[in-house]
Amino acid sequence: MNPLNRRIIDQWHRVALSGDRPPRDAMFHDDAVFESPVVHAPRHGKTIANKYRAGAALTVANSGGEYVGE
């Protein structure tokens, strides 16, 4: 993995684990696209991508499950 990608992924892990919303939301590009095998069509835009990401995080947390992919 190239160093830039590694740095971005490491930053995401730190922010996601901190639970601090403003820095996490700021990491999303305005043209972000949320894709998931559960959601049948991509969701476009920073606002909607953040909403789907938050919903997915709550679902995993409340299920006792664990997210193991990147």
N, C-alpha and C. Protein backbone atom coordinates (compact mmCIF):
# COMPACT_ATOMS: atom_id res chain seq x y z
N MET A 1 0.85 -1.17 0.00
CA MET A 1 0.00 0.00 0.00
C MET A 1 0.90 1.23 0.00
N ASN A 2 0.49 2.23 -0.79
CA ASN A 2 1.34 3.42 -0.84
C ASN A 2 1.19 4.22 0.47
N PRO A 3 2.22 5.02 0.80
CA PRO A 3 2.21 5.74 2.08
C PRO A 3 1.03 6.69 2.27
N LEU A 4 0.57 7.34 1.20
CA LEU A 4 -0.57 8.25 1.32
C LEU A 4 -1.83 7.50 1.73
N ASN A 5 -2.10 6.38 1.06
CA ASN A 5 -3.28 5.58 1.42
C ASN A 5 -3.18 5.07 2.86
N ARG A 6 -2.00 4.63 3.26
CA ARG A 6 -1.81 4.12 4.62
C ARG A 6 -2.08 5.23 5.63
N ARG A 7 -1.59 6.44 5.35
CA ARG A 7 -1.78 7.57 6.26
C ARG A 7 -3.27 7.92 6.38
N ILE A 8 -4.00 7.90 5.27
CA ILE A 8 -5.43 8.21 5.29
C ILE A 8 -6.19 7.14 6.08
N ILE A 9 -5.88 5.88 5.86
CA ILE A 9 -6.55 4.80 6.58
C ILE A 9 -6.23 4.87 8.07
N ASP A 10 -4.98 5.16 8.42
CA ASP A 10 -4.62 5.29 9.84
C ASP A 10 -5.36 6.46 10.48
N GLN A 11 -5.49 7.58 9.75
CA GLN A 11 -6.23 8.73 10.27
C GLN A 11 -7.69 8.36 10.47
N TRP A 12 -8.28 7.64 9.51
CA TRP A 12 -9.68 7.22 9.64
C TRP A 12 -9.89 6.36 10.89
N HIS A 13 -8.99 5.42 11.12
CA HIS A 13 -9.10 4.56 12.30
C HIS A 13 -9.07 5.39 13.59
N ARG A 14 -8.12 6.33 13.68
CA ARG A 14 -8.03 7.17 14.88
C ARG A 14 -9.31 7.97 15.09
N VAL A 15 -9.81 8.60 14.04
CA VAL A 15 -11.00 9.43 14.14
C VAL A 15 -12.23 8.58 14.45
N ALA A 16 -12.37 7.45 13.75
CA ALA A 16 -13.54 6.59 13.96
C ALA A 16 -13.57 6.04 15.38
N LEU A 17 -12.43 5.63 15.90
CA LEU A 17 -12.37 5.08 17.25
C LEU A 17 -12.58 6.14 18.32
N SER A 18 -12.26 7.40 18.01
CA SER A 18 -12.41 8.47 18.99
C SER A 18 -13.88 8.82 19.20
N GLY A 19 -14.72 8.56 18.19
CA GLY A 19 -16.14 8.93 18.28
C GLY A 19 -16.38 10.42 18.12
N ASP A 20 -15.34 11.17 17.78
CA ASP A 20 -15.45 12.62 17.63
C ASP A 20 -16.00 12.95 16.25
N ARG A 21 -17.25 13.38 16.19
CA ARG A 21 -17.96 13.53 14.93
C ARG A 21 -17.39 14.59 13.97
N PRO A 22 -17.10 15.82 14.41
CA PRO A 22 -16.65 16.82 13.43
C PRO A 22 -15.43 16.41 12.59
N PRO A 23 -14.35 15.88 13.21
CA PRO A 23 -13.23 15.47 12.36
C PRO A 23 -13.59 14.30 11.43
N ARG A 24 -14.44 13.40 11.91
CA ARG A 24 -14.85 12.26 11.08
C ARG A 24 -15.63 12.75 9.88
N ASP A 25 -16.61 13.61 10.11
CA ASP A 25 -17.43 14.13 9.01
C ASP A 25 -16.59 14.93 8.02
N ALA A 26 -15.59 15.63 8.53
CA ALA A 26 -14.74 16.45 7.66
C ALA A 26 -13.89 15.60 6.71
N MET A 27 -13.69 14.33 7.04
CA MET A 27 -12.90 13.46 6.17
C MET A 27 -13.65 13.07 4.90
N PHE A 28 -14.96 13.25 4.87
CA PHE A 28 -15.74 12.90 3.68
C PHE A 28 -15.66 14.02 2.65
N HIS A 29 -15.40 13.65 1.43
CA HIS A 29 -15.39 14.60 0.31
C HIS A 29 -16.83 14.99 -0.01
N ASP A 30 -17.03 16.19 -0.54
CA ASP A 30 -18.38 16.63 -0.90
C ASP A 30 -19.05 15.68 -1.89
N ASP A 31 -18.25 15.01 -2.72
CA ASP A 31 -18.79 14.09 -3.73
C ASP A 31 -18.66 12.63 -3.30
N ALA A 32 -18.62 12.39 -2.00
CA ALA A 32 -18.49 11.01 -1.49
C ALA A 32 -19.64 10.15 -1.99
N VAL A 33 -19.36 8.85 -2.14
CA VAL A 33 -20.38 7.88 -2.55
C VAL A 33 -20.37 6.74 -1.53
N PHE A 34 -21.54 6.46 -0.94
CA PHE A 34 -21.69 5.34 -0.02
C PHE A 34 -22.18 4.15 -0.81
N GLU A 35 -21.43 3.05 -0.74
CA GLU A 35 -21.81 1.81 -1.41
C GLU A 35 -21.82 0.68 -0.38
N SER A 36 -22.80 -0.19 -0.49
CA SER A 36 -22.94 -1.30 0.45
C SER A 36 -23.72 -2.41 -0.22
N PRO A 37 -23.40 -3.66 0.10
CA PRO A 37 -24.21 -4.75 -0.44
C PRO A 37 -25.63 -4.75 0.13
N VAL A 38 -25.85 -4.04 1.22
CA VAL A 38 -27.18 -3.97 1.83
C VAL A 38 -28.04 -2.89 1.16
N VAL A 39 -27.40 -1.83 0.72
CA VAL A 39 -28.09 -0.73 0.04
C VAL A 39 -27.99 -1.00 -1.46
N HIS A 40 -29.13 -1.03 -2.12
CA HIS A 40 -29.16 -1.52 -3.49
C HIS A 40 -28.64 -0.55 -4.54
N ALA A 41 -28.47 0.70 -4.20
CA ALA A 41 -27.93 1.68 -5.15
C ALA A 41 -26.99 2.61 -4.40
N PRO A 42 -25.92 3.05 -5.06
CA PRO A 42 -25.01 3.99 -4.40
C PRO A 42 -25.74 5.26 -3.96
N ARG A 43 -25.30 5.81 -2.84
CA ARG A 43 -25.85 7.06 -2.32
C ARG A 43 -24.78 8.12 -2.47
N HIS A 44 -25.11 9.19 -3.19
CA HIS A 44 -24.12 10.21 -3.56
C HIS A 44 -24.23 11.45 -2.69
N GLY A 45 -23.06 12.00 -2.34
CA GLY A 45 -22.99 13.24 -1.59
C GLY A 45 -22.54 13.04 -0.16
N LYS A 46 -21.81 14.03 0.35
CA LYS A 46 -21.25 13.97 1.69
C LYS A 46 -22.31 13.78 2.78
N THR A 47 -23.38 14.53 2.70
CA THR A 47 -24.41 14.48 3.74
C THR A 47 -25.05 13.10 3.81
N ILE A 48 -25.49 12.57 2.68
CA ILE A 48 -26.17 11.27 2.69
C ILE A 48 -25.18 10.14 3.00
N ALA A 49 -23.94 10.26 2.52
CA ALA A 49 -22.93 9.24 2.82
C ALA A 49 -22.67 9.18 4.32
N ASN A 50 -22.60 10.34 4.96
CA ASN A 50 -22.40 10.38 6.41
C ASN A 50 -23.58 9.78 7.15
N LYS A 51 -24.80 10.03 6.69
CA LYS A 51 -25.98 9.47 7.34
C LYS A 51 -26.00 7.95 7.24
N TYR A 52 -25.70 7.42 6.05
CA TYR A 52 -25.67 5.96 5.88
C TYR A 52 -24.54 5.34 6.69
N ARG A 53 -23.38 6.00 6.73
CA ARG A 53 -22.26 5.50 7.51
C ARG A 53 -22.63 5.45 8.99
N ALA A 54 -23.28 6.50 9.48
CA ALA A 54 -23.68 6.53 10.88
C ALA A 54 -24.69 5.42 11.18
N GLY A 55 -25.63 5.20 10.28
CA GLY A 55 -26.61 4.14 10.46
C GLY A 55 -25.96 2.76 10.47
N ALA A 56 -25.00 2.57 9.58
CA ALA A 56 -24.30 1.29 9.54
C ALA A 56 -23.51 1.07 10.82
N ALA A 57 -22.87 2.11 11.33
CA ALA A 57 -22.10 1.99 12.57
C ALA A 57 -23.00 1.62 13.74
N LEU A 58 -24.17 2.24 13.82
CA LEU A 58 -25.11 1.92 14.90
C LEU A 58 -25.62 0.48 14.78
N THR A 59 -25.88 0.06 13.57
CA THR A 59 -26.37 -1.30 13.35
C THR A 59 -25.33 -2.32 13.81
N VAL A 60 -24.08 -2.11 13.43
CA VAL A 60 -23.02 -3.04 13.84
C VAL A 60 -22.84 -3.00 15.35
N ALA A 61 -22.82 -1.80 15.93
CA ALA A 61 -22.62 -1.67 17.38
C ALA A 61 -23.75 -2.33 18.16
N ASN A 62 -24.99 -2.17 17.71
CA ASN A 62 -26.15 -2.71 18.44
C ASN A 62 -26.37 -4.20 18.19
N SER A 63 -25.71 -4.76 17.19
CA SER A 63 -25.90 -6.17 16.90
C SER A 63 -24.91 -7.05 17.64
N GLY A 64 -23.92 -6.42 18.24
CA GLY A 64 -22.85 -7.19 18.87
C GLY A 64 -21.86 -7.70 17.83
N GLY A 65 -22.06 -7.29 16.58
CA GLY A 65 -21.17 -7.70 15.50
C GLY A 65 -19.90 -6.87 15.48
N GLU A 66 -19.05 -7.21 14.57
CA GLU A 66 -17.77 -6.52 14.43
C GLU A 66 -17.48 -6.33 12.97
N TYR A 67 -17.06 -5.13 12.60
CA TYR A 67 -16.68 -4.85 11.21
C TYR A 67 -15.22 -5.24 11.03
N VAL A 68 -14.94 -6.11 10.07
CA VAL A 68 -13.57 -6.59 9.91
C VAL A 68 -12.96 -6.27 8.56
N GLY A 69 -13.72 -5.60 7.68
CA GLY A 69 -13.19 -5.27 6.36
C GLY A 69 -12.90 -3.80 6.20
N GLU A 70 -12.13 -3.49 5.17
CA GLU A 70 -11.86 -2.10 4.85
C GLU A 70 -12.16 -1.88 3.38
